Amino acid sequence: MTICRKESKTMDATQATQIRTLLLEAADAIDRAHAIVSALDGSEARALLATPLDEISSALHFELLQKLYLRYPGLTEQGEGWEGTMV
């Protein structure tokens, strides 16, 4: 019996940069959505969406991006053109 396994592939600097770019684009979109929600009339509409948006934003910045920056510290210093190595 043969078991098919996906080949494990570690993240390289190019992939880390691509992921960072996508996460930052997502953060910008969440910020824009939050601005719209903040301007809504009626506290019920704001309350419905503001908290989940805050939670998503926090998770994105303080979990996903932070872990990426800890593994690839050059991303925070060099931005999208970084070609460093993993720590």
PDB file of N, CA and C in Angstrom:
ATOM      1  N   MET A   1       0.840  -1.175   0.000  1.00  0.00           N
ATOM      2  CA  MET A   1       0.000   0.000   0.000  1.00  0.00           C
ATOM      3  C   MET A   1       0.885   1.238   0.000  1.00  0.00           C
ATOM      4  N   THR A   2       0.625   2.127  -0.921  1.00  0.00           N
ATOM      5  CA  THR A   2       1.385   3.376  -0.987  1.00  0.00           C
ATOM      6  C   THR A   2       0.527   4.522  -0.472  1.00  0.00           C
ATOM      7  N   ILE A   3       1.175   5.343   0.312  1.00  0.00           N
ATOM      8  CA  ILE A   3       0.497   6.524   0.824  1.00  0.00           C
ATOM      9  C   ILE A   3       1.089   7.730   0.135  1.00  0.00           C
ATOM     10  N   CYS A   4       0.236   8.500  -0.487  1.00  0.00           N
ATOM     11  CA  CYS A   4       0.691   9.713  -1.152  1.00  0.00           C
ATOM     12  C   CYS A   4       0.835  10.814  -0.121  1.00  0.00           C
ATOM     13  N   ARG A   5       1.984  11.442  -0.114  1.00  0.00           N
ATOM     14  CA  ARG A   5       2.208  12.564   0.780  1.00  0.00           C
ATOM     15  C   ARG A   5       2.596  13.779  -0.029  1.00  0.00           C
ATOM     16  N   LYS A   6       2.107  14.897   0.417  1.00  0.00           N
ATOM     17  CA  LYS A   6       2.529  16.138  -0.217  1.00  0.00           C
ATOM     18  C   LYS A   6       3.948  16.423   0.247  1.00  0.00           C
ATOM     19  N   GLU A   7       4.758  16.866  -0.681  1.00  0.00           N
ATOM     20  CA  GLU A   7       6.123  17.220  -0.339  1.00  0.00           C
ATOM     21  C   GLU A   7       6.109  18.484   0.515  1.00  0.00           C
ATOM     22  N   SER A   8       6.788  18.407   1.649  1.00  0.00           N
ATOM     23  CA  SER A   8       6.860  19.553   2.545  1.00  0.00           C
ATOM     24  C   SER A   8       7.809  20.593   1.954  1.00  0.00           C
ATOM     25  N   LYS A   9       7.372  21.822   1.934  1.00  0.00           N
ATOM     26  CA  LYS A   9       8.178  22.885   1.357  1.00  0.00           C
ATOM     27  C   LYS A   9       8.229  24.031   2.348  1.00  0.00           C
ATOM     28  N   THR A  10       9.433  24.463   2.685  1.00  0.00           N
ATOM     29  CA  THR A  10       9.557  25.576   3.610  1.00  0.00           C
ATOM     30  C   THR A  10       9.418  26.886   2.854  1.00  0.00           C
ATOM     31  N   MET A  11       9.042  27.893   3.595  1.00  0.00           N
ATOM     32  CA  MET A  11       8.847  29.217   3.002  1.00  0.00           C
ATOM     33  C   MET A  11      10.207  29.857   2.730  1.00  0.00           C
ATOM     34  N   ASP A  12      10.356  30.441   1.551  1.00  0.00           N
ATOM     35  CA  ASP A  12      11.584  31.163   1.237  1.00  0.00           C
ATOM     36  C   ASP A  12      11.312  32.667   1.293  1.00  0.00           C
ATOM     37  N   ALA A  13      12.343  33.468   1.078  1.00  0.00           N
ATOM     38  CA  ALA A  13      12.234  34.925   1.188  1.00  0.00           C
ATOM     39  C   ALA A  13      11.230  35.497   0.192  1.00  0.00           C
ATOM     40  N   THR A  14      11.177  34.941  -1.008  1.00  0.00           N
ATOM     41  CA  THR A  14      10.232  35.432  -2.016  1.00  0.00           C
ATOM     42  C   THR A  14       8.804  35.174  -1.573  1.00  0.00           C
ATOM     43  N   GLN A  15       8.544  33.984  -1.073  1.00  0.00           N
ATOM     44  CA  GLN A  15       7.206  33.657  -0.605  1.00  0.00           C
ATOM     45  C   GLN A  15       6.836  34.493   0.615  1.00  0.00           C
ATOM     46  N   ALA A  16       7.780  34.708   1.510  1.00  0.00           N
ATOM     47  CA  ALA A  16       7.528  35.541   2.690  1.00  0.00           C
ATOM     48  C   ALA A  16       7.157  36.958   2.265  1.00  0.00           C
ATOM     49  N   THR A  17       7.845  37.477   1.273  1.00  0.00           N
ATOM     50  CA  THR A  17       7.555  38.815   0.766  1.00  0.00           C
ATOM     51  C   THR A  17       6.171  38.866   0.129  1.00  0.00           C
ATOM     52  N   GLN A  18       5.823  37.841  -0.642  1.00  0.00           N
ATOM     53  CA  GLN A  18       4.499  37.783  -1.262  1.00  0.00           C
ATOM     54  C   GLN A  18       3.400  37.715  -0.207  1.00  0.00           C
ATOM     55  N   ILE A  19       3.600  36.892   0.808  1.00  0.00           N
ATOM     56  CA  ILE A  19       2.621  36.762   1.888  1.00  0.00           C
ATOM     57  C   ILE A  19       2.476  38.089   2.611  1.00  0.00           C
ATOM     58  N   ARG A  20       3.601  38.749   2.902  1.00  0.00           N
ATOM     59  CA  ARG A  20       3.571  40.047   3.582  1.00  0.00           C
ATOM     60  C   ARG A  20       2.767  41.061   2.764  1.00  0.00           C
ATOM     61  N   THR A  21       3.012  41.101   1.475  1.00  0.00           N
ATOM     62  CA  THR A  21       2.302  42.032   0.598  1.00  0.00           C
ATOM     63  C   THR A  21       0.799  41.786   0.655  1.00  0.00           C
ATOM     64  N   LEU A  22       0.397  40.539   0.562  1.00  0.00           N
ATOM     65  CA  LEU A  22      -1.024  40.201   0.606  1.00  0.00           C
ATOM     66  C   LEU A  22      -1.637  40.532   1.969  1.00  0.00           C
ATOM     67  N   LEU A  23      -0.914  40.265   3.039  1.00  0.00           N
ATOM     68  CA  LEU A  23      -1.426  40.585   4.373  1.00  0.00           C
ATOM     69  C   LEU A  23      -1.567  42.090   4.577  1.00  0.00           C
ATOM     70  N   LEU A  24      -0.607  42.851   4.063  1.00  0.00           N
ATOM     71  CA  LEU A  24      -0.704  44.308   4.185  1.00  0.00           C
ATOM     72  C   LEU A  24      -1.842  44.862   3.331  1.00  0.00           C
ATOM     73  N   GLU A  25      -2.084  44.266   2.165  1.00  0.00           N
ATOM     74  CA  GLU A  25      -3.230  44.674   1.349  1.00  0.00           C
ATOM     75  C   GLU A  25      -4.536  44.363   2.082  1.00  0.00           C
ATOM     76  N   ALA A  26      -4.583  43.208   2.735  1.00  0.00           N
ATOM     77  CA  ALA A  26      -5.768  42.845   3.512  1.00  0.00           C
ATOM     78  C   ALA A  26      -5.961  43.823   4.668  1.00  0.00           C
ATOM     79  N   ALA A  27      -4.873  44.200   5.331  1.00  0.00           N
ATOM     80  CA  ALA A  27      -4.954  45.161   6.435  1.00  0.00           C
ATOM     81  C   ALA A  27      -5.501  46.500   5.947  1.00  0.00           C
ATOM     82  N   ASP A  28      -5.047  46.947   4.780  1.00  0.00           N
ATOM     83  CA  ASP A  28      -5.549  48.203   4.205  1.00  0.00           C
ATOM     84  C   ASP A  28      -7.055  48.104   3.916  1.00  0.00           C
ATOM     85  N   ALA A  29      -7.480  46.977   3.368  1.00  0.00           N
ATOM     86  CA  ALA A  29      -8.902  46.786   3.065  1.00  0.00           C
ATOM     87  C   ALA A  29      -9.729  46.775   4.351  1.00  0.00           C
ATOM     88  N   ILE A  30      -9.223  46.137   5.380  1.00  0.00           N
ATOM     89  CA  ILE A  30      -9.927  46.107   6.663  1.00  0.00           C
ATOM     90  C   ILE A  30     -10.013  47.513   7.249  1.00  0.00           C
ATOM     91  N   ASP A  31      -8.936  48.271   7.148  1.00  0.00           N
ATOM     92  CA  ASP A  31      -8.943  49.657   7.636  1.00  0.00           C
ATOM     93  C   ASP A  31      -9.970  50.505   6.887  1.00  0.00           C
ATOM     94  N   ARG A  32     -10.059  50.316   5.566  1.00  0.00           N
ATOM     95  CA  ARG A  32     -11.048  51.062   4.780  1.00  0.00           C
ATOM     96  C   ARG A  32     -12.470  50.668   5.174  1.00  0.00           C
ATOM     97  N   ALA A  33     -12.690  49.370   5.378  1.00  0.00           N
ATOM     98  CA  ALA A  33     -14.010  48.903   5.808  1.00  0.00           C
ATOM     99  C   ALA A  33     -14.343  49.468   7.190  1.00  0.00           C
ATOM    100  N   HIS A  34     -13.360  49.497   8.072  1.00  0.00           N
ATOM    101  CA  HIS A  34     -13.585  50.026   9.420  1.00  0.00           C
ATOM    102  C   HIS A  34     -13.951  51.510   9.370  1.00  0.00           C
ATOM    103  N   ALA A  35     -13.338  52.253   8.475  1.00  0.00           N
ATOM    104  CA  ALA A  35     -13.664  53.676   8.333  1.00  0.00           C
ATOM    105  C   ALA A  35     -15.114  53.855   7.885  1.00  0.00           C
ATOM    106  N   ILE A  36     -15.562  53.014   6.979  1.00  0.00           N
ATOM    107  CA  ILE A  36     -16.948  53.083   6.515  1.00  0.00           C
ATOM    108  C   ILE A  36     -17.897  52.720   7.654  1.00  0.00           C
ATOM    109  N   VAL A  37     -17.567  51.650   8.378  1.00  0.00           N
ATOM    110  CA  VAL A  37     -18.407  51.211   9.494  1.00  0.00           C
ATOM    111  C   VAL A  37     -18.482  52.297  10.566  1.00  0.00           C
ATOM    112  N   SER A  38     -17.365  52.951  10.839  1.00  0.00           N
ATOM    113  CA  SER A  38     -17.334  54.009  11.854  1.00  0.00           C
ATOM    114  C   SER A  38     -18.237  55.189  11.485  1.00  0.00           C
ATOM    115  N   ALA A  39     -18.446  55.386  10.202  1.00  0.00           N
ATOM    116  CA  ALA A  39     -19.261  56.508   9.740  1.00  0.00           C
ATOM    117  C   ALA A  39     -20.746  56.157   9.637  1.00  0.00           C
ATOM    118  N   LEU A  40     -21.088  54.898   9.893  1.00  0.00           N
ATOM    119  CA  LEU A  40     -22.494  54.487   9.788  1.00  0.00           C
ATOM    120  C   LEU A  40     -23.339  55.162  10.853  1.00  0.00           C
ATOM    121  N   ASP A  41     -24.549  55.507  10.450  1.00  0.00           N
ATOM    122  CA  ASP A  41     -25.510  56.039  11.418  1.00  0.00           C
ATOM    123  C   ASP A  41     -26.090  54.866  12.203  1.00  0.00           C
ATOM    124  N   GLY A  42     -26.276  55.069  13.472  1.00  0.00           N
ATOM    125  CA  GLY A  42     -26.874  54.030  14.301  1.00  0.00           C
ATOM    126  C   GLY A  42     -25.826  53.157  14.950  1.00  0.00           C
ATOM    127  N   SER A  43     -25.867  53.103  16.240  1.00  0.00           N
ATOM    128  CA  SER A  43     -24.867  52.333  16.975  1.00  0.00           C
ATOM    129  C   SER A  43     -25.015  50.837  16.759  1.00  0.00           C
ATOM    130  N   GLU A  44     -26.210  50.365  16.408  1.00  0.00           N
ATOM    131  CA  GLU A  44     -26.419  48.933  16.188  1.00  0.00           C
ATOM    132  C   GLU A  44     -25.610  48.431  14.993  1.00  0.00           C
ATOM    133  N   ALA A  45     -25.636  49.180  13.916  1.00  0.00           N
ATOM    134  CA  ALA A  45     -24.885  48.802  12.718  1.00  0.00           C
ATOM    135  C   ALA A  45     -23.385  48.816  12.997  1.00  0.00           C
ATOM    136  N   ARG A  46     -22.925  49.853  13.690  1.00  0.00           N
ATOM    137  CA  ARG A  46     -21.493  49.927  14.034  1.00  0.00           C
ATOM    138  C   ARG A  46     -21.097  48.779  14.952  1.00  0.00           C
ATOM    139  N   ALA A  47     -21.916  48.525  15.966  1.00  0.00           N
ATOM    140  CA  ALA A  47     -21.608  47.472  16.935  1.00  0.00           C
ATOM    141  C   ALA A  47     -21.549  46.097  16.268  1.00  0.00           C
ATOM    142  N   LEU A  48     -22.389  45.896  15.293  1.00  0.00           N
ATOM    143  CA  LEU A  48     -22.434  44.615  14.594  1.00  0.00           C
ATOM    144  C   LEU A  48     -21.126  44.302  13.873  1.00  0.00           C
ATOM    145  N   LEU A  49     -20.495  45.318  13.301  1.00  0.00           N
ATOM    146  CA  LEU A  49     -19.326  45.106  12.454  1.00  0.00           C
ATOM    147  C   LEU A  49     -17.997  45.561  13.045  1.00  0.00           C
ATOM    148  N   ALA A  50     -18.018  46.562  13.909  1.00  0.00           N
ATOM    149  CA  ALA A  50     -16.767  47.142  14.400  1.00  0.00           C
ATOM    150  C   ALA A  50     -15.930  46.142  15.190  1.00  0.00           C
ATOM    151  N   THR A  51     -16.547  45.418  16.103  1.00  0.00           N
ATOM    152  CA  THR A  51     -15.792  44.471  16.932  1.00  0.00           C
ATOM    153  C   THR A  51     -15.149  43.360  16.106  1.00  0.00           C
ATOM    154  N   PRO A  52     -15.897  42.707  15.202  1.00  0.00           N
ATOM    155  CA  PRO A  52     -15.245  41.678  14.381  1.00  0.00           C
ATOM    156  C   PRO A  52     -14.109  42.238  13.516  1.00  0.00           C
ATOM    157  N   LEU A  53     -14.280  43.453  12.992  1.00  0.00           N
ATOM    158  CA  LEU A  53     -13.206  44.058  12.201  1.00  0.00           C
ATOM    159  C   LEU A  53     -11.973  44.317  13.067  1.00  0.00           C
ATOM    160  N   ASP A  54     -12.193  44.790  14.288  1.00  0.00           N
ATOM    161  CA  ASP A  54     -11.074  44.997  15.217  1.00  0.00           C
ATOM    162  C   ASP A  54     -10.352  43.687  15.517  1.00  0.00           C
ATOM    163  N   GLU A  55     -11.113  42.623  15.717  1.00  0.00           N
ATOM    164  CA  GLU A  55     -10.520  41.319  16.013  1.00  0.00           C
ATOM    165  C   GLU A  55      -9.702  40.798  14.839  1.00  0.00           C
ATOM    166  N   ILE A  56     -10.239  40.965  13.638  1.00  0.00           N
ATOM    167  CA  ILE A  56      -9.520  40.523  12.435  1.00  0.00           C
ATOM    168  C   ILE A  56      -8.233  41.335  12.271  1.00  0.00           C
ATOM    169  N   SER A  57      -8.327  42.639  12.459  1.00  0.00           N
ATOM    170  CA  SER A  57      -7.163  43.505  12.324  1.00  0.00           C
ATOM    171  C   SER A  57      -6.087  43.143  13.348  1.00  0.00           C
ATOM    172  N   SER A  58      -6.503  42.905  14.569  1.00  0.00           N
ATOM    173  CA  SER A  58      -5.541  42.522  15.617  1.00  0.00           C
ATOM    174  C   SER A  58      -4.864  41.206  15.287  1.00  0.00           C
ATOM    175  N   ALA A  59      -5.647  40.223  14.856  1.00  0.00           N
ATOM    176  CA  ALA A  59      -5.074  38.926  14.494  1.00  0.00           C
ATOM    177  C   ALA A  59      -4.092  39.062  13.339  1.00  0.00           C
ATOM    178  N   LEU A  60      -4.442  39.869  12.364  1.00  0.00           N
ATOM    179  CA  LEU A  60      -3.575  40.065  11.208  1.00  0.00           C
ATOM    180  C   LEU A  60      -2.249  40.709  11.617  1.00  0.00           C
ATOM    181  N   HIS A  61      -2.327  41.768  12.414  1.00  0.00           N
ATOM    182  CA  HIS A  61      -1.113  42.489  12.792  1.00  0.00           C
ATOM    183  C   HIS A  61      -0.310  41.790  13.881  1.00  0.00           C
ATOM    184  N   PHE A  62      -0.985  41.298  14.912  1.00  0.00           N
ATOM    185  CA  PHE A  62      -0.281  40.815  16.085  1.00  0.00           C
ATOM    186  C   PHE A  62      -0.074  39.307  16.114  1.00  0.00           C
ATOM    187  N   GLU A  63      -0.642  38.613  15.162  1.00  0.00           N
ATOM    188  CA  GLU A  63      -0.388  37.183  15.062  1.00  0.00           C
ATOM    189  C   GLU A  63       0.302  36.854  13.742  1.00  0.00           C
ATOM    190  N   LEU A  64      -0.383  37.075  12.634  1.00  0.00           N
ATOM    191  CA  LEU A  64       0.176  36.694  11.337  1.00  0.00           C
ATOM    192  C   LEU A  64       1.426  37.489  10.964  1.00  0.00           C
ATOM    193  N   LEU A  65       1.307  38.809  10.893  1.00  0.00           N
ATOM    194  CA  LEU A  65       2.461  39.620  10.488  1.00  0.00           C
ATOM    195  C   LEU A  65       3.595  39.524  11.501  1.00  0.00           C
ATOM    196  N   GLN A  66       3.261  39.521  12.778  1.00  0.00           N
ATOM    197  CA  GLN A  66       4.305  39.429  13.797  1.00  0.00           C
ATOM    198  C   GLN A  66       5.109  38.139  13.656  1.00  0.00           C
ATOM    199  N   LYS A  67       4.420  37.019  13.425  1.00  0.00           N
ATOM    200  CA  LYS A  67       5.127  35.746  13.238  1.00  0.00           C
ATOM    201  C   LYS A  67       5.994  35.772  11.985  1.00  0.00           C
ATOM    202  N   LEU A  68       5.488  36.379  10.946  1.00  0.00           N
ATOM    203  CA  LEU A  68       6.263  36.494   9.711  1.00  0.00           C
ATOM    204  C   LEU A  68       7.513  37.344   9.942  1.00  0.00           C
ATOM    205  N   TYR A  69       7.362  38.466  10.655  1.00  0.00           N
ATOM    206  CA  TYR A  69       8.497  39.345  10.934  1.00  0.00           C
ATOM    207  C   TYR A  69       9.506  38.700  11.884  1.00  0.00           C
ATOM    208  N   LEU A  70       9.036  37.890  12.807  1.00  0.00           N
ATOM    209  CA  LEU A  70       9.967  37.189  13.706  1.00  0.00           C
ATOM    210  C   LEU A  70      10.812  36.181  12.943  1.00  0.00           C
ATOM    211  N   ARG A  71      10.201  35.539  11.980  1.00  0.00           N
ATOM    212  CA  ARG A  71      10.932  34.539  11.190  1.00  0.00           C
ATOM    213  C   ARG A  71      11.802  35.193  10.122  1.00  0.00           C
ATOM    214  N   TYR A  72      11.341  36.292   9.577  1.00  0.00           N
ATOM    215  CA  TYR A  72      12.062  37.023   8.530  1.00  0.00           C
ATOM    216  C   TYR A  72      12.191  38.492   8.945  1.00  0.00           C
ATOM    217  N   PRO A  73      13.071  38.803   9.882  1.00  0.00           N
ATOM    218  CA  PRO A  73      13.163  40.178  10.399  1.00  0.00           C
ATOM    219  C   PRO A  73      13.502  41.216   9.334  1.00  0.00           C
ATOM    220  N   GLY A  74      14.153  40.837   8.272  1.00  0.00           N
ATOM    221  CA  GLY A  74      14.494  41.770   7.209  1.00  0.00           C
ATOM    222  C   GLY A  74      13.276  42.331   6.497  1.00  0.00           C
ATOM    223  N   LEU A  75      12.148  41.652   6.583  1.00  0.00           N
ATOM    224  CA  LEU A  75      10.932  42.151   5.940  1.00  0.00           C
ATOM    225  C   LEU A  75      10.496  43.481   6.519  1.00  0.00           C
ATOM    226  N   THR A  76      10.661  43.666   7.815  1.00  0.00           N
ATOM    227  CA  THR A  76      10.234  44.914   8.431  1.00  0.00           C
ATOM    228  C   THR A  76      11.175  46.053   8.070  1.00  0.00           C
ATOM    229  N   GLU A  77      12.437  45.732   7.820  1.00  0.00           N
ATOM    230  CA  GLU A  77      13.438  46.758   7.524  1.00  0.00           C
ATOM    231  C   GLU A  77      13.513  47.098   6.046  1.00  0.00           C
ATOM    232  N   GLN A  78      13.428  46.090   5.212  1.00  0.00           N
ATOM    233  CA  GLN A  78      13.664  46.294   3.787  1.00  0.00           C
ATOM    234  C   GLN A  78      12.396  46.444   2.963  1.00  0.00           C
ATOM    235  N   GLY A  79      11.267  46.078   3.500  1.00  0.00           N
ATOM    236  CA  GLY A  79      10.030  46.178   2.736  1.00  0.00           C
ATOM    237  C   GLY A  79       9.930  45.089   1.694  1.00  0.00           C
ATOM    238  N   GLU A  80       9.236  45.380   0.620  1.00  0.00           N
ATOM    239  CA  GLU A  80       8.909  44.371  -0.378  1.00  0.00           C
ATOM    240  C   GLU A  80      10.103  43.915  -1.211  1.00  0.00           C
ATOM    241  N   GLY A  81      11.175  44.661  -1.232  1.00  0.00           N
ATOM    242  CA  GLY A  81      12.318  44.272  -2.036  1.00  0.00           C
ATOM    243  C   GLY A  81      13.321  43.419  -1.302  1.00  0.00           C
ATOM    244  N   TRP A  82      12.992  43.009  -0.082  1.00  0.00           N
ATOM    245  CA  TRP A  82      13.925  42.264   0.752  1.00  0.00           C
ATOM    246  C   TRP A  82      14.274  40.912   0.131  1.00  0.00           C
ATOM    247  N   GLU A  83      15.556  40.567   0.165  1.00  0.00           N
ATOM    248  CA  GLU A  83      16.012  39.287  -0.355  1.00  0.00           C
ATOM    249  C   GLU A  83      16.900  38.579   0.642  1.00  0.00           C
ATOM    250  N   GLY A  84      16.581  38.728   1.916  1.00  0.00           N
ATOM    251  CA  GLY A  84      17.397  38.179   2.999  1.00  0.00           C
ATOM    252  C   GLY A  84      17.177  36.699   3.202  1.00  0.00           C
ATOM    253  N   THR A  85      17.651  36.235   4.339  1.00  0.00           N
ATOM    254  CA  THR A  85      17.524  34.819   4.669  1.00  0.00           C
ATOM    255  C   THR A  85      16.744  34.671   5.957  1.00  0.00           C
ATOM    256  N   MET A  86      16.292  33.457   6.162  1.00  0.00           N
ATOM    257  CA  MET A  86      15.537  33.143   7.363  1.00  0.00           C
ATOM    258  C   MET A  86      16.465  33.094   8.563  1.00  0.00           C
ATOM    259  N   VAL A  87      15.962  33.538   9.710  1.00  0.00           N
ATOM    260  CA  VAL A  87      16.745  33.475  10.953  1.00  0.00           C
ATOM    261  C   VAL A  87      16.649  32.103  11.526  1.00  0.00           C
TER     262      VAL A  87
END
